[in-house]
């Protein structure tokens, strides 16, 4: 079953930042790693990834550099900046609040659990 693209749209930047938290990557590598880490749930396309990368770089959440691949081809690598790490922490906290809110609604809310 495919995921609603709207669900992915709001979390794409956070997922990219999280991937780069573990080290510098180039675009195709990010697409593959996102797919691997999500057990193939997230299949991000280049047309989705690169606008996210360019926006994050423009806002100084990422920096980039060129490096030669073993094949001799130049690749553009992206690196998380200090500002990007701060944004990732904010996005993760925001996601945790959102996730908990959805869970509360799905489970009937705090009242249904006798917590309110």
C-alpha atoms as a PDB file:
ATOM      1  CA  UNK A   1       0.000   0.000   0.000  1.00  0.00           C
ATOM      2  CA  UNK A   2       1.365   3.416  -0.994  1.00  0.00           C
ATOM      3  CA  UNK A   3       1.516   6.266   1.486  1.00  0.00           C
ATOM      4  CA  UNK A   4      -0.412   9.482   0.954  1.00  0.00           C
ATOM      5  CA  UNK A   5       2.116  11.959  -0.479  1.00  0.00           C
ATOM      6  CA  UNK A   6       0.745  14.634   1.867  1.00  0.00           C
ATOM      7  CA  UNK A   7       2.075  12.655   4.832  1.00  0.00           C
ATOM      8  CA  UNK A   8       5.577  12.750   3.365  1.00  0.00           C
ATOM      9  CA  UNK A   9       5.441  16.392   2.286  1.00  0.00           C
ATOM     10  CA  UNK A  10       5.552  17.824   5.789  1.00  0.00           C
ATOM     11  CA  UNK A  11       8.335  15.594   7.021  1.00  0.00           C
ATOM     12  CA  UNK A  12      10.749  15.511   4.070  1.00  0.00           C
ATOM     13  CA  UNK A  13      13.121  18.161   5.449  1.00  0.00           C
ATOM     14  CA  UNK A  14      13.253  16.481   8.856  1.00  0.00           C
ATOM     15  CA  UNK A  15      14.047  13.109   7.263  1.00  0.00           C
ATOM     16  CA  UNK A  16      16.830  14.611   5.136  1.00  0.00           C
ATOM     17  CA  UNK A  17      18.321  16.393   8.162  1.00  0.00           C
ATOM     18  CA  UNK A  18      18.178  13.147  10.152  1.00  0.00           C
ATOM     19  CA  UNK A  19      19.986  11.228   7.401  1.00  0.00           C
ATOM     20  CA  UNK A  20      22.769  13.833   7.349  1.00  0.00           C
ATOM     21  CA  UNK A  21      23.113  13.747  11.133  1.00  0.00           C
ATOM     22  CA  UNK A  22      25.058  10.497  10.725  1.00  0.00           C
ATOM     23  CA  UNK A  23      27.421  11.874   8.061  1.00  0.00           C
ATOM     24  CA  UNK A  24      27.794  13.645   4.740  1.00  0.00           C
ATOM     25  CA  UNK A  25      25.928  12.141   1.773  1.00  0.00           C
ATOM     26  CA  UNK A  26      25.207  12.792  -1.873  1.00  0.00           C
ATOM     27  CA  UNK A  27      21.682  12.855  -3.286  1.00  0.00           C
ATOM     28  CA  UNK A  28      21.256   9.321  -4.625  1.00  0.00           C
ATOM     29  CA  UNK A  29      22.858   7.952  -1.461  1.00  0.00           C
ATOM     30  CA  UNK A  30      20.206   9.780   0.605  1.00  0.00           C
ATOM     31  CA  UNK A  31      17.393   8.319  -1.503  1.00  0.00           C
ATOM     32  CA  UNK A  32      18.781   4.802  -1.035  1.00  0.00           C
ATOM     33  CA  UNK A  33      19.443   5.263   2.696  1.00  0.00           C
ATOM     34  CA  UNK A  34      15.969   6.681   3.345  1.00  0.00           C
ATOM     35  CA  UNK A  35      14.449   3.689   1.592  1.00  0.00           C
ATOM     36  CA  UNK A  36      16.656   1.266   3.538  1.00  0.00           C
ATOM     37  CA  UNK A  37      16.033   2.849   6.947  1.00  0.00           C
ATOM     38  CA  UNK A  38      12.273   2.941   6.373  1.00  0.00           C
ATOM     39  CA  UNK A  39      12.080  -0.664   5.140  1.00  0.00           C
ATOM     40  CA  UNK A  40      11.133   0.686   1.695  1.00  0.00           C
ATOM     41  CA  UNK A  41       8.180   2.697   3.040  1.00  0.00           C
ATOM     42  CA  UNK A  42       9.733   5.984   1.860  1.00  0.00           C
ATOM     43  CA  UNK A  43      10.622   6.068  -1.828  1.00  0.00           C
ATOM     44  CA  UNK A  44      11.691   9.689  -2.278  1.00  0.00           C
ATOM     45  CA  UNK A  45      12.152  10.844  -5.853  1.00  0.00           C
ATOM     46  CA  UNK A  46      14.945  13.146  -7.048  1.00  0.00           C
ATOM     47  CA  UNK A  47      12.322  15.740  -7.949  1.00  0.00           C
ATOM     48  CA  UNK A  48      11.299  15.820  -4.279  1.00  0.00           C
ATOM     49  CA  UNK A  49      14.756  15.544  -2.717  1.00  0.00           C
ATOM     50  CA  UNK A  50      16.676  18.227  -4.597  1.00  0.00           C
ATOM     51  CA  UNK A  51      14.257  21.104  -3.892  1.00  0.00           C
ATOM     52  CA  UNK A  52      14.452  20.146  -0.188  1.00  0.00           C
ATOM     53  CA  UNK A  53      18.264  20.095  -0.315  1.00  0.00           C
ATOM     54  CA  UNK A  54      18.469  23.414  -2.157  1.00  0.00           C
ATOM     55  CA  UNK A  55      16.079  25.101   0.280  1.00  0.00           C
ATOM     56  CA  UNK A  56      17.949  23.775   3.323  1.00  0.00           C
ATOM     57  CA  UNK A  57      21.268  24.871   1.830  1.00  0.00           C
ATOM     58  CA  UNK A  58      19.920  28.326   0.932  1.00  0.00           C
ATOM     59  CA  UNK A  59      18.789  28.773   4.558  1.00  0.00           C
ATOM     60  CA  UNK A  60      22.222  27.622   5.842  1.00  0.00           C
ATOM     61  CA  UNK A  61      20.953  24.382   7.425  1.00  0.00           C
ATOM     62  CA  UNK A  62      23.255  22.470   5.068  1.00  0.00           C
ATOM     63  CA  UNK A  63      26.487  23.163   3.273  1.00  0.00           C
ATOM     64  CA  UNK A  64      27.808  21.282   0.261  1.00  0.00           C
ATOM     65  CA  UNK A  65      31.080  20.404  -1.397  1.00  0.00           C
ATOM     66  CA  UNK A  66      32.276  18.491  -4.459  1.00  0.00           C
ATOM     67  CA  UNK A  67      34.267  15.283  -4.154  1.00  0.00           C
ATOM     68  CA  UNK A  68      35.457  12.795  -6.716  1.00  0.00           C
ATOM     69  CA  UNK A  69      33.822   9.362  -6.602  1.00  0.00           C
ATOM     70  CA  UNK A  70      35.835   6.146  -7.178  1.00  0.00           C
ATOM     71  CA  UNK A  71      34.436   6.176 -10.729  1.00  0.00           C
ATOM     72  CA  UNK A  72      36.152   9.535 -11.327  1.00  0.00           C
ATOM     73  CA  UNK A  73      32.857  11.398 -11.462  1.00  0.00           C
ATOM     74  CA  UNK A  74      32.390  14.460  -9.247  1.00  0.00           C
ATOM     75  CA  UNK A  75      29.622  14.214  -6.659  1.00  0.00           C
ATOM     76  CA  UNK A  76      28.015  16.938  -4.605  1.00  0.00           C
ATOM     77  CA  UNK A  77      27.947  16.018  -0.929  1.00  0.00           C
ATOM     78  CA  UNK A  78      25.733  17.696   1.646  1.00  0.00           C
ATOM     79  CA  UNK A  79      26.771  18.334   5.236  1.00  0.00           C
ATOM     80  CA  UNK A  80      24.617  19.279   8.223  1.00  0.00           C
ATOM     81  CA  UNK A  81      25.563  22.641   9.769  1.00  0.00           C
ATOM     82  CA  UNK A  82      25.236  23.652  13.421  1.00  0.00           C
ATOM     83  CA  UNK A  83      22.108  25.593  12.462  1.00  0.00           C
ATOM     84  CA  UNK A  84      20.827  22.431  10.737  1.00  0.00           C
ATOM     85  CA  UNK A  85      21.364  20.376  13.899  1.00  0.00           C
ATOM     86  CA  UNK A  86      19.291  22.907  15.836  1.00  0.00           C
ATOM     87  CA  UNK A  87      16.521  22.738  13.244  1.00  0.00           C
ATOM     88  CA  UNK A  88      16.584  18.936  13.377  1.00  0.00           C
ATOM     89  CA  UNK A  89      16.124  19.012  17.164  1.00  0.00           C
ATOM     90  CA  UNK A  90      13.178  21.398  16.776  1.00  0.00           C
ATOM     91  CA  UNK A  91      11.610  19.287  14.016  1.00  0.00           C
ATOM     92  CA  UNK A  92      12.006  16.096  16.043  1.00  0.00           C
ATOM     93  CA  UNK A  93      10.322  17.695  19.068  1.00  0.00           C
ATOM     94  CA  UNK A  94       7.529  18.988  16.829  1.00  0.00           C
ATOM     95  CA  UNK A  95       7.111  15.528  15.292  1.00  0.00           C
ATOM     96  CA  UNK A  96       6.972  13.902  18.745  1.00  0.00           C
ATOM     97  CA  UNK A  97       4.154  16.285  19.777  1.00  0.00           C
ATOM     98  CA  UNK A  98       2.300  15.628  16.517  1.00  0.00           C
ATOM     99  CA  UNK A  99       2.749  11.857  16.793  1.00  0.00           C
ATOM    100  CA  UNK A 100       1.520  11.851  20.376  1.00  0.00           C
ATOM    101  CA  UNK A 101      -1.516  13.936  19.408  1.00  0.00           C
ATOM    102  CA  UNK A 102      -2.417  11.493  16.629  1.00  0.00           C
ATOM    103  CA  UNK A 103      -1.950   8.555  19.000  1.00  0.00           C
ATOM    104  CA  UNK A 104      -4.176  10.238  21.588  1.00  0.00           C
ATOM    105  CA  UNK A 105      -6.939  10.774  19.036  1.00  0.00           C
ATOM    106  CA  UNK A 106      -6.673   7.220  17.707  1.00  0.00           C
ATOM    107  CA  UNK A 107      -6.804   5.748  21.200  1.00  0.00           C
ATOM    108  CA  UNK A 108      -9.800   7.865  22.253  1.00  0.00           C
ATOM    109  CA  UNK A 109      -7.888  10.638  23.978  1.00  0.00           C
ATOM    110  CA  UNK A 110      -6.698  11.151  27.531  1.00  0.00           C
ATOM    111  CA  UNK A 111     -10.289  11.133  28.822  1.00  0.00           C
ATOM    112  CA  UNK A 112     -10.839   7.616  27.479  1.00  0.00           C
ATOM    113  CA  UNK A 113      -7.728   6.448  29.305  1.00  0.00           C
ATOM    114  CA  UNK A 114      -8.748   8.044  32.578  1.00  0.00           C
ATOM    115  CA  UNK A 115      -5.811  10.436  32.487  1.00  0.00           C
ATOM    116  CA  UNK A 116      -7.667  13.750  32.285  1.00  0.00           C
END
